[in-house]
Structure formats: C-alpha cells, structure tokens
C-alpha cells in the first residue's frame, strides 16, 4: 500500500513533467510580480528574472532526470533479455 502512495509522487512521463513545470512557472510569475511591487526599478526586475529563470533550470533538470531514468530502465531491460 505504501508503494502505491509513493508512486503518486514520482514523475513518470513528459506530460506530468510539463504539468509540474507549468505549476512552478505560475508560482514564479506570482512571486516575480510581488517582487516588482516591493522593489520598484531594476532590482525588482532582476528578482523577477531570477524567479522565472529558476523555472527554466528546474525544468531542464526534470527533463534530464526523466531521460536518464528511461535510458537506465531500457539498459536494465536489455540486460535481462540478454541473460534470458
């Protein structure tokens, strides 16, 4: 039962990754707009760019991890079929 619950928190497909990245982007835009109001001028704009830029870094990392996990799973399957 615990394994089933654990699987709910694992990103398995690119579609799920895109949904997560979209949610991160919405939060970053909201946080960035607060920065623009709290810090008028260039400092607010820099903080806005930092908040939104972090989404690009996180998204790239999520996609890289998905690719790595898929390659590892494919390699394990190839090893199992080669042994059989």
C-alpha atoms as a PDB file:
ATOM      1  CA  UNK A   1       0.000   0.000   0.000  1.00  0.00           C
ATOM      2  CA  UNK A   2       2.842   2.362   0.819  1.00  0.00           C
ATOM      3  CA  UNK A   3       4.376   1.685  -2.602  1.00  0.00           C
ATOM      4  CA  UNK A   4       1.150   2.782  -4.305  1.00  0.00           C
ATOM      5  CA  UNK A   5       1.153   6.042  -2.382  1.00  0.00           C
ATOM      6  CA  UNK A   6       4.834   6.554  -3.140  1.00  0.00           C
ATOM      7  CA  UNK A   7       4.201   6.158  -6.880  1.00  0.00           C
ATOM      8  CA  UNK A   8       1.844   9.138  -6.803  1.00  0.00           C
ATOM      9  CA  UNK A   9       4.796  11.419  -6.119  1.00  0.00           C
ATOM     10  CA  UNK A  10       7.011  10.123  -8.943  1.00  0.00           C
ATOM     11  CA  UNK A  11       7.119  11.944 -12.265  1.00  0.00           C
ATOM     12  CA  UNK A  12       6.873   9.223 -14.906  1.00  0.00           C
ATOM     13  CA  UNK A  13       6.058  10.945 -18.206  1.00  0.00           C
ATOM     14  CA  UNK A  14       6.942  14.130 -20.043  1.00  0.00           C
ATOM     15  CA  UNK A  15       3.315  15.232 -19.772  1.00  0.00           C
ATOM     16  CA  UNK A  16       3.485  15.029 -15.970  1.00  0.00           C
ATOM     17  CA  UNK A  17       6.784  16.918 -16.078  1.00  0.00           C
ATOM     18  CA  UNK A  18       5.194  19.655 -18.174  1.00  0.00           C
ATOM     19  CA  UNK A  19       2.352  19.981 -15.676  1.00  0.00           C
ATOM     20  CA  UNK A  20       4.829  20.322 -12.819  1.00  0.00           C
ATOM     21  CA  UNK A  21       6.884  22.891 -14.720  1.00  0.00           C
ATOM     22  CA  UNK A  22       3.717  24.837 -15.563  1.00  0.00           C
ATOM     23  CA  UNK A  23       2.783  24.943 -11.880  1.00  0.00           C
ATOM     24  CA  UNK A  24       6.298  26.103 -10.995  1.00  0.00           C
ATOM     25  CA  UNK A  25       6.084  28.811 -13.653  1.00  0.00           C
ATOM     26  CA  UNK A  26       2.763  30.099 -12.314  1.00  0.00           C
ATOM     27  CA  UNK A  27       4.246  30.354  -8.842  1.00  0.00           C
ATOM     28  CA  UNK A  28       7.373  32.059 -10.137  1.00  0.00           C
ATOM     29  CA  UNK A  29       5.354  34.639 -12.060  1.00  0.00           C
ATOM     30  CA  UNK A  30       3.275  35.352  -8.974  1.00  0.00           C
ATOM     31  CA  UNK A  31       6.398  35.704  -6.831  1.00  0.00           C
ATOM     32  CA  UNK A  32       8.024  37.866  -9.509  1.00  0.00           C
ATOM     33  CA  UNK A  33       5.059  40.229  -9.640  1.00  0.00           C
ATOM     34  CA  UNK A  34       5.310  40.645  -5.865  1.00  0.00           C
ATOM     35  CA  UNK A  35       8.996  41.477  -6.303  1.00  0.00           C
ATOM     36  CA  UNK A  36       8.114  44.120  -8.894  1.00  0.00           C
ATOM     37  CA  UNK A  37       5.738  45.796  -6.440  1.00  0.00           C
ATOM     38  CA  UNK A  38       8.043  45.526  -3.416  1.00  0.00           C
ATOM     39  CA  UNK A  39      11.202  46.592  -5.224  1.00  0.00           C
ATOM     40  CA  UNK A  40      10.445  49.131  -7.960  1.00  0.00           C
ATOM     41  CA  UNK A  41      13.121  49.705 -10.569  1.00  0.00           C
ATOM     42  CA  UNK A  42      15.887  47.480 -11.817  1.00  0.00           C
ATOM     43  CA  UNK A  43      16.233  45.499  -8.582  1.00  0.00           C
ATOM     44  CA  UNK A  44      12.634  44.269  -8.851  1.00  0.00           C
ATOM     45  CA  UNK A  45      13.180  43.359 -12.492  1.00  0.00           C
ATOM     46  CA  UNK A  46      16.320  41.393 -11.626  1.00  0.00           C
ATOM     47  CA  UNK A  47      14.492  39.490  -8.880  1.00  0.00           C
ATOM     48  CA  UNK A  48      11.626  38.812 -11.308  1.00  0.00           C
ATOM     49  CA  UNK A  49      14.110  37.398 -13.840  1.00  0.00           C
ATOM     50  CA  UNK A  50      15.771  35.283 -11.146  1.00  0.00           C
ATOM     51  CA  UNK A  51      12.426  33.833 -10.041  1.00  0.00           C
ATOM     52  CA  UNK A  52      11.358  32.969 -13.567  1.00  0.00           C
ATOM     53  CA  UNK A  53      14.826  31.824 -14.621  1.00  0.00           C
ATOM     54  CA  UNK A  54      14.877  29.256 -11.866  1.00  0.00           C
ATOM     55  CA  UNK A  55      11.904  27.554 -13.550  1.00  0.00           C
ATOM     56  CA  UNK A  56      13.994  27.037 -16.689  1.00  0.00           C
ATOM     57  CA  UNK A  57      16.751  25.422 -14.644  1.00  0.00           C
ATOM     58  CA  UNK A  58      14.321  23.204 -12.743  1.00  0.00           C
ATOM     59  CA  UNK A  59      12.528  22.204 -15.953  1.00  0.00           C
ATOM     60  CA  UNK A  60      15.769  21.259 -17.650  1.00  0.00           C
ATOM     61  CA  UNK A  61      16.774  19.162 -14.645  1.00  0.00           C
ATOM     62  CA  UNK A  62      13.404  17.388 -14.570  1.00  0.00           C
ATOM     63  CA  UNK A  63      13.622  16.526 -18.273  1.00  0.00           C
ATOM     64  CA  UNK A  64      17.241  15.347 -17.881  1.00  0.00           C
ATOM     65  CA  UNK A  65      16.243  13.090 -14.992  1.00  0.00           C
ATOM     66  CA  UNK A  66      13.371  11.616 -16.997  1.00  0.00           C
ATOM     67  CA  UNK A  67      15.721  10.860 -19.885  1.00  0.00           C
ATOM     68  CA  UNK A  68      18.310   9.310 -17.558  1.00  0.00           C
ATOM     69  CA  UNK A  69      15.709   7.111 -15.860  1.00  0.00           C
ATOM     70  CA  UNK A  70      14.322   5.960 -19.227  1.00  0.00           C
ATOM     71  CA  UNK A  71      17.812   5.101 -20.511  1.00  0.00           C
ATOM     72  CA  UNK A  72      18.628   3.218 -17.314  1.00  0.00           C
ATOM     73  CA  UNK A  73      15.358   1.291 -17.465  1.00  0.00           C
ATOM     74  CA  UNK A  74      15.985   0.409 -21.126  1.00  0.00           C
ATOM     75  CA  UNK A  75      19.520  -0.757 -20.301  1.00  0.00           C
ATOM     76  CA  UNK A  76      18.226  -2.942 -17.468  1.00  0.00           C
ATOM     77  CA  UNK A  77      15.613  -4.468 -19.760  1.00  0.00           C
ATOM     78  CA  UNK A  78      18.238  -5.159 -22.413  1.00  0.00           C
ATOM     79  CA  UNK A  79      20.452  -6.812 -19.805  1.00  0.00           C
ATOM     80  CA  UNK A  80      17.604  -9.008 -18.575  1.00  0.00           C
ATOM     81  CA  UNK A  81      16.668 -10.095 -22.106  1.00  0.00           C
ATOM     82  CA  UNK A  82      20.328 -10.776 -22.943  1.00  0.00           C
ATOM     83  CA  UNK A  83      20.632 -13.045 -19.887  1.00  0.00           C
ATOM     84  CA  UNK A  84      17.476 -14.971 -20.766  1.00  0.00           C
END
